[in-house]
Structures are given as structure tokens and as C-alpha cells.
Amino acid sequence: MSTAVFAAAQCAVGDGDITANLALHLAFMRRAHEHGVGLLLFPELSVTGYDLAVSSALAQGLDTPLLEPLRDYAHQARMTTVVGMPLKLSGHAKPRIAACILHPDGSIGAYTKQHLHTGEDVYYEAGSGGELLSVAGVSVALSVCADFTHPEHAASAAQRGAQVYASGVLIGETGYPTDSRLLQGYAQQHAMAVLMANHGGVTGGWAAAGRSAFWDEQGRCVAAVSGTGNRMLVVSTQAAGWQGCEVTVDERFR
């Protein structure tokens, strides 16, 4: 595996406060760049927060000028950045929950959530997934929250050649033990590392558990964030395997 540096951006966002949330995204991107990160993964609906009624009403097209500052920085830093955003599509009555991919060359793409939780279908339609990413020679498959609760989703990623399964999620304390074991199990079963970026605070009425984590190809937890709040988990390939550390992100970096 080529040398690679990946990071999970565990952010505490405000529901509907796009201006503040985008500023926080830029803060994470700057900190990630300081650590040489090549892929930065944000949680589900990180741009708007998870309040379903609010977020769906704020849906944007991929060409939205709101993302321009993030796209520009991703291009400048040569850093693939994946942000959670409600995506408006022409000819569709409902938006999709998307992981918008800001590529190092300045272009933008999207992975759209394929499996919706109960209640999400009131505001959103199911998506169609997306292609694998290549970052520093490493093949990466994306997923958004409920996608990973379907074993066939991770199995398909592995069959397509993914070396890392990267999931932007919203997981609370109650669900964390089960969900983290599920992700760890995929790493073991498919010999595919797993990166999980969780929210760091309350959003959409859900108190996120934080504790974003990374499991290597044997299912070993290389590193995990110690709690909630604005924190970044950085992992990298080394001669002895993956290594990781936790980085704090706060107002000083906005």
C-alpha cells in the first residue's frame, strides 16, 4: 500500500447554520493540511446539520457557490475532501443525502446515500452510490451512515477493490457499541481498513457519540477520538502498518 494520510473530521455543527458550519469545515481543512492529510472525511450532512426538515430545505446543487471556498482550499492544498450535504437534483422532487467530493484538481463529484433510515424517506430519496476514489494510490469506497448497516454494501466495496471503507455517520451513544463492532467486523471480514467520521455534538435532536475511529485490515482499532467535540483523527501508513493520532480543532483556526 502506498504512503497515505487520511483523517476523520469529527465536527460539532449547528443545524441550519451553513455560514458557521462552512467556517468550521475550513478550520478542519487547514488543520488537516498542516498534518499532510490527503483525504479528509466529514460526517453525514455536515454542512447543514442533520435536522431533516431544515437540511432538506437547504439542499443545493453541486455547482453551488456555497462550496467554492472549500473547493478552492481543497485545490490549493491538493487534498481530497468529502463533505456531507443535501443534494438537489434537476427533475427530482426530493433531494439526496450526499457525500460531496472536492477533488484536488478543483472538480467536484458526489456519492449519494443508498439506504435511508426510517423517517429520512419523508424528506429525501435514496441515492445511487458512487465510484471508488483513489488517494495516494489507495482505493477508497464511500458510505453514508445507514449504508454500512447493510452488509452487502461493504461486501460490494471490497469486491470492487476498495482498500479503505470510509463512512460519514451520525451515531449516538446507544448505537455506538453495535455500529462500531459492525464496522470493525467489515475490516476483519474483507481485509479492508475502515475510517469512520462521526458528528461531535448534538444535531437534529440526536446527541452524537463522537469517538470517530479507524480499524486496520485485521480489524484492530488503530486510533479513536477520546470523546465528543471538534476533533480530528489522523491516520497514516507507516513501515509497521497504520498509525494514528487525535488533533483538536477550535475557534483559533477559523
C-alpha atoms as a PDB file:
ATOM      1  CA  MET A   1       0.000   0.000   0.000  1.00  0.00           C
ATOM      2  CA  SER A   2       1.277   3.456  -0.896  1.00  0.00           C
ATOM      3  CA  THR A   3       2.040   6.016   1.789  1.00  0.00           C
ATOM      4  CA  ALA A   4      -1.237   7.753   2.629  1.00  0.00           C
ATOM      5  CA  VAL A   5      -2.592  10.129   5.263  1.00  0.00           C
ATOM      6  CA  PHE A   6      -6.335  10.075   5.936  1.00  0.00           C
ATOM      7  CA  ALA A   7      -8.415  11.949   8.513  1.00  0.00           C
ATOM      8  CA  ALA A   8     -11.891  11.942  10.029  1.00  0.00           C
ATOM      9  CA  ALA A   9     -13.253  15.430  10.740  1.00  0.00           C
ATOM     10  CA  GLN A  10     -15.405  14.988  13.847  1.00  0.00           C
ATOM     11  CA  CYS A  11     -17.248  18.311  13.901  1.00  0.00           C
ATOM     12  CA  ALA A  12     -19.908  19.808  16.168  1.00  0.00           C
ATOM     13  CA  VAL A  13     -22.126  21.711  13.715  1.00  0.00           C
ATOM     14  CA  GLY A  14     -25.192  23.930  14.101  1.00  0.00           C
ATOM     15  CA  ASP A  15     -28.442  22.852  12.452  1.00  0.00           C
ATOM     16  CA  GLY A  16     -29.138  25.180   9.538  1.00  0.00           C
ATOM     17  CA  ASP A  17     -26.186  27.472  10.279  1.00  0.00           C
ATOM     18  CA  ILE A  18     -24.404  26.997   6.969  1.00  0.00           C
ATOM     19  CA  THR A  19     -22.140  30.037   7.350  1.00  0.00           C
ATOM     20  CA  ALA A  20     -20.707  28.893  10.681  1.00  0.00           C
ATOM     21  CA  ASN A  21     -20.543  25.274   9.550  1.00  0.00           C
ATOM     22  CA  LEU A  22     -18.572  26.138   6.421  1.00  0.00           C
ATOM     23  CA  ALA A  23     -16.149  28.185   8.517  1.00  0.00           C
ATOM     24  CA  LEU A  24     -15.682  25.151  10.758  1.00  0.00           C
ATOM     25  CA  HIS A  25     -15.086  22.972   7.699  1.00  0.00           C
ATOM     26  CA  LEU A  26     -12.339  25.322   6.562  1.00  0.00           C
ATOM     27  CA  ALA A  27     -10.796  25.191  10.034  1.00  0.00           C
ATOM     28  CA  PHE A  28     -10.627  21.400   9.801  1.00  0.00           C
ATOM     29  CA  MET A  29      -9.212  21.582   6.293  1.00  0.00           C
ATOM     30  CA  ARG A  30      -6.429  23.932   7.398  1.00  0.00           C
ATOM     31  CA  ARG A  31      -5.520  21.684  10.326  1.00  0.00           C
ATOM     32  CA  ALA A  32      -5.626  18.640   8.080  1.00  0.00           C
ATOM     33  CA  HIS A  33      -3.296  20.300   5.593  1.00  0.00           C
ATOM     34  CA  GLU A  34      -0.835  21.009   8.429  1.00  0.00           C
ATOM     35  CA  HIS A  35      -0.730  17.246   9.017  1.00  0.00           C
ATOM     36  CA  GLY A  36      -0.260  16.350   5.354  1.00  0.00           C
ATOM     37  CA  VAL A  37      -3.717  14.801   5.004  1.00  0.00           C
ATOM     38  CA  GLY A  38      -4.612  13.515   1.538  1.00  0.00           C
ATOM     39  CA  LEU A  39      -8.226  12.524   2.310  1.00  0.00           C
ATOM     40  CA  LEU A  40     -10.414  14.384   4.806  1.00  0.00           C
ATOM     41  CA  LEU A  41     -13.804  12.835   5.589  1.00  0.00           C
ATOM     42  CA  PHE A  42     -16.664  14.760   7.243  1.00  0.00           C
ATOM     43  CA  PRO A  43     -19.816  13.248   8.829  1.00  0.00           C
ATOM     44  CA  GLU A  44     -23.249  12.879   7.269  1.00  0.00           C
ATOM     45  CA  LEU A  45     -24.914  16.235   6.418  1.00  0.00           C
ATOM     46  CA  SER A  46     -22.025  18.121   7.997  1.00  0.00           C
ATOM     47  CA  VAL A  47     -22.707  21.312   6.018  1.00  0.00           C
ATOM     48  CA  THR A  48     -26.312  21.746   7.221  1.00  0.00           C
ATOM     49  CA  GLY A  49     -26.614  19.549  10.285  1.00  0.00           C
ATOM     50  CA  TYR A  50     -28.890  16.515  10.481  1.00  0.00           C
ATOM     51  CA  ASP A  51     -32.243  18.222  11.208  1.00  0.00           C
ATOM     52  CA  LEU A  52     -34.088  16.557   8.330  1.00  0.00           C
ATOM     53  CA  ALA A  53     -36.700  19.237   7.639  1.00  0.00           C
ATOM     54  CA  VAL A  54     -34.131  22.028   7.843  1.00  0.00           C
ATOM     55  CA  SER A  55     -31.416  20.267   5.882  1.00  0.00           C
ATOM     56  CA  SER A  56     -33.676  19.126   3.050  1.00  0.00           C
ATOM     57  CA  ALA A  57     -34.965  22.683   2.609  1.00  0.00           C
ATOM     58  CA  LEU A  58     -31.341  23.853   2.279  1.00  0.00           C
ATOM     59  CA  ALA A  59     -30.464  21.382  -0.492  1.00  0.00           C
ATOM     60  CA  GLN A  60     -28.017  22.714  -3.080  1.00  0.00           C
ATOM     61  CA  GLY A  61     -26.803  21.658  -6.497  1.00  0.00           C
ATOM     62  CA  LEU A  62     -23.210  20.513  -6.947  1.00  0.00           C
ATOM     63  CA  ASP A  63     -22.440  23.843  -8.593  1.00  0.00           C
ATOM     64  CA  THR A  64     -23.496  25.866  -5.525  1.00  0.00           C
ATOM     65  CA  PRO A  65     -21.245  28.862  -4.803  1.00  0.00           C
ATOM     66  CA  LEU A  66     -21.508  27.980  -1.095  1.00  0.00           C
ATOM     67  CA  LEU A  67     -18.891  25.284  -1.598  1.00  0.00           C
ATOM     68  CA  GLU A  68     -16.471  27.481  -3.541  1.00  0.00           C
ATOM     69  CA  PRO A  69     -14.254  28.369  -0.537  1.00  0.00           C
ATOM     70  CA  LEU A  70     -13.953  24.673   0.330  1.00  0.00           C
ATOM     71  CA  ARG A  71     -13.307  23.697  -3.281  1.00  0.00           C
ATOM     72  CA  ASP A  72     -10.652  26.375  -3.600  1.00  0.00           C
ATOM     73  CA  TYR A  73      -8.866  25.240  -0.457  1.00  0.00           C
ATOM     74  CA  ALA A  74      -9.057  21.572  -1.429  1.00  0.00           C
ATOM     75  CA  HIS A  75      -7.475  22.520  -4.752  1.00  0.00           C
ATOM     76  CA  GLN A  76      -4.825  24.698  -3.098  1.00  0.00           C
ATOM     77  CA  ALA A  77      -3.952  22.020  -0.518  1.00  0.00           C
ATOM     78  CA  ARG A  78      -4.224  19.166  -3.044  1.00  0.00           C
ATOM     79  CA  MET A  79      -6.471  17.383  -0.553  1.00  0.00           C
ATOM     80  CA  THR A  80      -9.481  15.222  -1.411  1.00  0.00           C
ATOM     81  CA  THR A  81     -12.224  16.475   0.914  1.00  0.00           C
ATOM     82  CA  VAL A  82     -15.585  14.754   1.419  1.00  0.00           C
ATOM     83  CA  VAL A  83     -18.348  16.885   2.963  1.00  0.00           C
ATOM     84  CA  GLY A  84     -21.912  15.948   3.884  1.00  0.00           C
ATOM     85  CA  MET A  85     -24.553  17.971   2.044  1.00  0.00           C
ATOM     86  CA  PRO A  86     -28.195  17.666   0.926  1.00  0.00           C
ATOM     87  CA  LEU A  87     -28.005  17.478  -2.864  1.00  0.00           C
ATOM     88  CA  LYS A  88     -30.659  18.956  -5.134  1.00  0.00           C
ATOM     89  CA  LEU A  89     -31.047  17.178  -8.470  1.00  0.00           C
ATOM     90  CA  SER A  90     -32.884  18.515 -11.504  1.00  0.00           C
ATOM     91  CA  GLY A  91     -36.118  16.644 -12.165  1.00  0.00           C
ATOM     92  CA  HIS A  92     -36.262  15.073  -8.689  1.00  0.00           C
ATOM     93  CA  ALA A  93     -38.925  16.085  -6.174  1.00  0.00           C
ATOM     94  CA  LYS A  94     -36.742  15.213  -3.178  1.00  0.00           C
ATOM     95  CA  PRO A  95     -33.036  15.825  -2.609  1.00  0.00           C
ATOM     96  CA  ARG A  96     -30.494  13.125  -1.790  1.00  0.00           C
ATOM     97  CA  ILE A  97     -28.146  12.841   1.174  1.00  0.00           C
ATOM     98  CA  ALA A  98     -24.753  13.239  -0.440  1.00  0.00           C
ATOM     99  CA  ALA A  99     -21.090  12.990   0.335  1.00  0.00           C
ATOM    100  CA  CYS A 100     -19.758  15.728  -1.926  1.00  0.00           C
ATOM    101  CA  ILE A 101     -16.223  15.052  -3.099  1.00  0.00           C
ATOM    102  CA  LEU A 102     -13.956  18.071  -3.529  1.00  0.00           C
ATOM    103  CA  HIS A 103     -11.110  16.792  -5.678  1.00  0.00           C
ATOM    104  CA  PRO A 104      -7.537  18.133  -5.603  1.00  0.00           C
ATOM    105  CA  ASP A 105      -7.854  19.302  -9.216  1.00  0.00           C
ATOM    106  CA  GLY A 106     -10.731  21.645  -8.304  1.00  0.00           C
ATOM    107  CA  SER A 107     -13.502  19.438  -9.674  1.00  0.00           C
ATOM    108  CA  ILE A 108     -16.444  18.157  -7.628  1.00  0.00           C
ATOM    109  CA  GLY A 109     -18.362  14.896  -7.555  1.00  0.00           C
ATOM    110  CA  ALA A 110     -20.838  13.140  -5.301  1.00  0.00           C
ATOM    111  CA  TYR A 111     -21.628   9.840  -3.645  1.00  0.00           C
ATOM    112  CA  THR A 112     -25.332   9.630  -2.731  1.00  0.00           C
ATOM    113  CA  LYS A 113     -26.658   7.609   0.209  1.00  0.00           C
ATOM    114  CA  GLN A 114     -28.259   4.390  -0.984  1.00  0.00           C
ATOM    115  CA  HIS A 115     -30.023   3.201   2.182  1.00  0.00           C
ATOM    116  CA  LEU A 116     -32.235   5.557   4.195  1.00  0.00           C
ATOM    117  CA  HIS A 117     -33.123   5.301   7.872  1.00  0.00           C
ATOM    118  CA  THR A 118     -36.811   5.257   8.791  1.00  0.00           C
ATOM    119  CA  GLY A 119     -38.116   8.828   8.546  1.00  0.00           C
ATOM    120  CA  GLU A 120     -35.433  10.051   6.160  1.00  0.00           C
ATOM    121  CA  ASP A 121     -37.585   8.991   3.232  1.00  0.00           C
ATOM    122  CA  VAL A 122     -40.102  11.703   4.153  1.00  0.00           C
ATOM    123  CA  TYR A 123     -37.574  14.345   3.129  1.00  0.00           C
ATOM    124  CA  TYR A 124     -35.071  12.512   0.927  1.00  0.00           C
ATOM    125  CA  GLU A 125     -34.922   9.921  -1.821  1.00  0.00           C
ATOM    126  CA  ALA A 126     -32.471   7.030  -1.893  1.00  0.00           C
ATOM    127  CA  GLY A 127     -29.319   7.642  -3.897  1.00  0.00           C
ATOM    128  CA  SER A 128     -27.222   5.576  -6.274  1.00  0.00           C
ATOM    129  CA  GLY A 129     -23.856   5.399  -4.517  1.00  0.00           C
ATOM    130  CA  GLY A 130     -20.730   6.391  -6.409  1.00  0.00           C
ATOM    131  CA  GLU A 131     -17.377   5.380  -7.800  1.00  0.00           C
ATOM    132  CA  LEU A 132     -14.280   4.432  -5.823  1.00  0.00           C
ATOM    133  CA  LEU A 133     -11.773   7.178  -5.060  1.00  0.00           C
ATOM    134  CA  SER A 134      -8.017   6.873  -5.449  1.00  0.00           C
ATOM    135  CA  VAL A 135      -5.951   8.774  -2.889  1.00  0.00           C
ATOM    136  CA  ALA A 136      -2.173   8.336  -2.771  1.00  0.00           C
ATOM    137  CA  GLY A 137      -2.605   5.090  -4.651  1.00  0.00           C
ATOM    138  CA  VAL A 138      -5.157   3.752  -2.155  1.00  0.00           C
ATOM    139  CA  SER A 139      -8.633   2.762  -3.374  1.00  0.00           C
ATOM    140  CA  VAL A 140     -11.399   4.212  -1.172  1.00  0.00           C
ATOM    141  CA  ALA A 141     -15.121   3.381  -1.084  1.00  0.00           C
ATOM    142  CA  LEU A 142     -17.524   5.878   0.483  1.00  0.00           C
ATOM    143  CA  SER A 143     -20.636   5.205   2.520  1.00  0.00           C
ATOM    144  CA  VAL A 144     -23.074   7.400   4.435  1.00  0.00           C
ATOM    145  CA  CYS A 145     -24.409   6.181   7.786  1.00  0.00           C
ATOM    146  CA  ALA A 146     -27.241   3.650   7.187  1.00  0.00           C
ATOM    147  CA  ASP A 147     -25.404   2.322   4.136  1.00  0.00           C
ATOM    148  CA  PHE A 148     -22.965   0.466   6.400  1.00  0.00           C
ATOM    149  CA  THR A 149     -25.807  -1.275   8.270  1.00  0.00           C
ATOM    150  CA  HIS A 150     -26.363  -3.328   5.108  1.00  0.00           C
ATOM    151  CA  PRO A 151     -23.566  -5.940   4.925  1.00  0.00           C
ATOM    152  CA  GLU A 152     -23.861  -6.171   1.151  1.00  0.00           C
ATOM    153  CA  HIS A 153     -22.764  -2.532   0.872  1.00  0.00           C
ATOM    154  CA  ALA A 154     -19.371  -3.173   2.460  1.00  0.00           C
ATOM    155  CA  ALA A 155     -19.071  -6.503   0.627  1.00  0.00           C
ATOM    156  CA  SER A 156     -19.637  -4.752  -2.699  1.00  0.00           C
ATOM    157  CA  ALA A 157     -16.982  -2.160  -1.847  1.00  0.00           C
ATOM    158  CA  ALA A 158     -14.470  -4.926  -1.119  1.00  0.00           C
ATOM    159  CA  GLN A 159     -15.389  -6.803  -4.292  1.00  0.00           C
ATOM    160  CA  ARG A 160     -14.746  -3.654  -6.322  1.00  0.00           C
ATOM    161  CA  GLY A 161     -11.253  -3.462  -4.864  1.00  0.00           C
ATOM    162  CA  ALA A 162     -11.621  -0.933  -2.055  1.00  0.00           C
ATOM    163  CA  GLN A 163      -8.716  -0.896   0.383  1.00  0.00           C
ATOM    164  CA  VAL A 164     -10.422   1.608   2.716  1.00  0.00           C
ATOM    165  CA  TYR A 165     -14.138   1.886   3.527  1.00  0.00           C
ATOM    166  CA  ALA A 166     -14.811   5.497   4.568  1.00  0.00           C
ATOM    167  CA  SER A 167     -18.130   6.232   6.261  1.00  0.00           C
ATOM    168  CA  GLY A 168     -19.536   9.621   7.306  1.00  0.00           C
ATOM    169  CA  VAL A 169     -22.079   8.919  10.045  1.00  0.00           C
ATOM    170  CA  LEU A 170     -24.312  10.116  12.849  1.00  0.00           C
ATOM    171  CA  ILE A 171     -24.110   7.576  15.673  1.00  0.00           C
ATOM    172  CA  GLY A 172     -25.378   8.155  19.207  1.00  0.00           C
ATOM    173  CA  GLU A 173     -24.206   6.583  22.456  1.00  0.00           C
ATOM    174  CA  THR A 174     -26.864   3.863  22.394  1.00  0.00           C
ATOM    175  CA  GLY A 175     -25.965   2.697  18.901  1.00  0.00           C
ATOM    176  CA  TYR A 176     -22.212   3.125  19.131  1.00  0.00           C
ATOM    177  CA  PRO A 177     -21.269  -0.323  20.556  1.00  0.00           C
ATOM    178  CA  THR A 178     -23.224  -2.213  17.891  1.00  0.00           C
ATOM    179  CA  ASP A 179     -22.275   0.054  14.996  1.00  0.00           C
ATOM    180  CA  SER A 180     -18.576   0.150  15.840  1.00  0.00           C
ATOM    181  CA  ARG A 181     -18.493  -3.658  16.118  1.00  0.00           C
ATOM    182  CA  LEU A 182     -20.170  -3.873  12.715  1.00  0.00           C
ATOM    183  CA  LEU A 183     -17.560  -1.619  11.114  1.00  0.00           C
ATOM    184  CA  GLN A 184     -14.740  -3.472  12.834  1.00  0.00           C
ATOM    185  CA  GLY A 185     -16.220  -6.723  11.543  1.00  0.00           C
ATOM    186  CA  TYR A 186     -16.123  -5.466   7.954  1.00  0.00           C
ATOM    187  CA  ALA A 187     -12.427  -4.693   8.357  1.00  0.00           C
ATOM    188  CA  GLN A 188     -11.774  -8.235   9.566  1.00  0.00           C
ATOM    189  CA  GLN A 189     -14.065  -9.983   7.103  1.00  0.00           C
ATOM    190  CA  HIS A 190     -12.940  -8.140   3.987  1.00  0.00           C
ATOM    191  CA  ALA A 191      -9.317  -7.261   4.898  1.00  0.00           C
ATOM    192  CA  MET A 192     -10.327  -3.669   4.207  1.00  0.00           C
ATOM    193  CA  ALA A 193      -9.435  -0.789   6.546  1.00  0.00           C
ATOM    194  CA  VAL A 194     -12.381   1.269   7.831  1.00  0.00           C
ATOM    195  CA  LEU A 195     -12.455   5.017   8.559  1.00  0.00           C
ATOM    196  CA  MET A 196     -15.483   6.371  10.455  1.00  0.00           C
ATOM    197  CA  ALA A 197     -16.205  10.107  10.873  1.00  0.00           C
ATOM    198  CA  ASN A 198     -18.949  10.790  13.431  1.00  0.00           C
ATOM    199  CA  HIS A 199     -20.555  14.058  14.485  1.00  0.00           C
ATOM    200  CA  GLY A 200     -19.083  15.707  17.560  1.00  0.00           C
ATOM    201  CA  GLY A 201     -22.193  17.245  19.105  1.00  0.00           C
ATOM    202  CA  VAL A 202     -25.988  17.404  19.097  1.00  0.00           C
ATOM    203  CA  THR A 203     -27.609  17.659  15.654  1.00  0.00           C
ATOM    204  CA  GLY A 204     -31.161  17.029  14.537  1.00  0.00           C
ATOM    205  CA  GLY A 205     -32.088  16.234  18.135  1.00  0.00           C
ATOM    206  CA  TRP A 206     -29.514  13.432  18.306  1.00  0.00           C
ATOM    207  CA  ALA A 207     -26.606  13.538  20.748  1.00  0.00           C
ATOM    208  CA  ALA A 208     -23.726  12.102  18.719  1.00  0.00           C
ATOM    209  CA  ALA A 209     -21.271   9.837  20.498  1.00  0.00           C
ATOM    210  CA  GLY A 210     -18.209  11.231  18.724  1.00  0.00           C
ATOM    211  CA  ARG A 211     -15.380   8.693  19.082  1.00  0.00           C
ATOM    212  CA  SER A 212     -14.547   8.683  15.377  1.00  0.00           C
ATOM    213  CA  ALA A 213     -12.300   5.714  14.680  1.00  0.00           C
ATOM    214  CA  PHE A 214     -10.084   3.782  12.287  1.00  0.00           C
ATOM    215  CA  TRP A 215      -9.704   0.000  12.067  1.00  0.00           C
ATOM    216  CA  ASP A 216      -6.896  -1.602  10.039  1.00  0.00           C
ATOM    217  CA  GLU A 217      -7.200  -4.541   7.657  1.00  0.00           C
ATOM    218  CA  GLN A 218      -7.099  -7.020  10.560  1.00  0.00           C
ATOM    219  CA  GLY A 219      -9.886  -5.223  12.415  1.00  0.00           C
ATOM    220  CA  ARG A 220      -7.579  -3.686  15.017  1.00  0.00           C
ATOM    221  CA  CYS A 221      -8.609  -0.243  16.237  1.00  0.00           C
ATOM    222  CA  VAL A 222      -5.542   1.824  15.328  1.00  0.00           C
ATOM    223  CA  ALA A 223      -6.897   5.025  16.869  1.00  0.00           C
ATOM    224  CA  ALA A 224     -10.142   6.605  18.042  1.00  0.00           C
ATOM    225  CA  VAL A 225     -11.163  10.066  19.218  1.00  0.00           C
ATOM    226  CA  SER A 226     -11.489  10.114  23.001  1.00  0.00           C
ATOM    227  CA  GLY A 227     -14.953  11.709  23.133  1.00  0.00           C
ATOM    228  CA  THR A 228     -17.108  14.375  21.504  1.00  0.00           C
ATOM    229  CA  GLY A 229     -16.307  17.911  20.296  1.00  0.00           C
ATOM    230  CA  ASN A 230     -14.345  19.311  17.371  1.00  0.00           C
ATOM    231  CA  ARG A 231     -11.556  16.789  16.970  1.00  0.00           C
ATOM    232  CA  MET A 232      -9.730  15.255  14.056  1.00  0.00           C
ATOM    233  CA  LEU A 233      -8.452  11.710  13.801  1.00  0.00           C
ATOM    234  CA  VAL A 234      -5.375  11.436  11.565  1.00  0.00           C
ATOM    235  CA  VAL A 235      -4.067   8.052  10.392  1.00  0.00           C
ATOM    236  CA  SER A 236      -1.167   7.239   8.104  1.00  0.00           C
ATOM    237  CA  THR A 237       0.576   4.255   6.587  1.00  0.00           C
ATOM    238  CA  GLN A 238       3.980   3.513   8.101  1.00  0.00           C
ATOM    239  CA  ALA A 239       6.509   0.712   7.660  1.00  0.00           C
ATOM    240  CA  ALA A 240       4.982  -1.062  10.658  1.00  0.00           C
ATOM    241  CA  GLY A 241       1.392  -0.508   9.487  1.00  0.00           C
ATOM    242  CA  TRP A 242      -1.202   2.170  10.157  1.00  0.00           C
ATOM    243  CA  GLN A 243      -0.611   4.686  12.949  1.00  0.00           C
ATOM    244  CA  GLY A 244      -2.946   7.389  14.232  1.00  0.00           C
ATOM    245  CA  CYS A 245      -3.339  10.402  16.486  1.00  0.00           C
ATOM    246  CA  GLU A 246      -6.039  12.806  17.657  1.00  0.00           C
ATOM    247  CA  VAL A 247      -5.909  16.524  16.834  1.00  0.00           C
ATOM    248  CA  THR A 248      -8.064  19.237  18.434  1.00  0.00           C
ATOM    249  CA  VAL A 249      -9.707  21.848  16.198  1.00  0.00           C
ATOM    250  CA  ASP A 250     -11.107  25.004  17.806  1.00  0.00           C
ATOM    251  CA  GLU A 251     -12.080  28.619  17.140  1.00  0.00           C
ATOM    252  CA  ARG A 252      -8.489  29.775  16.835  1.00  0.00           C
ATOM    253  CA  PHE A 253      -8.183  28.050  13.476  1.00  0.00           C
ATOM    254  CA  ARG A 254     -11.224  29.645  11.837  1.00  0.00           C
END
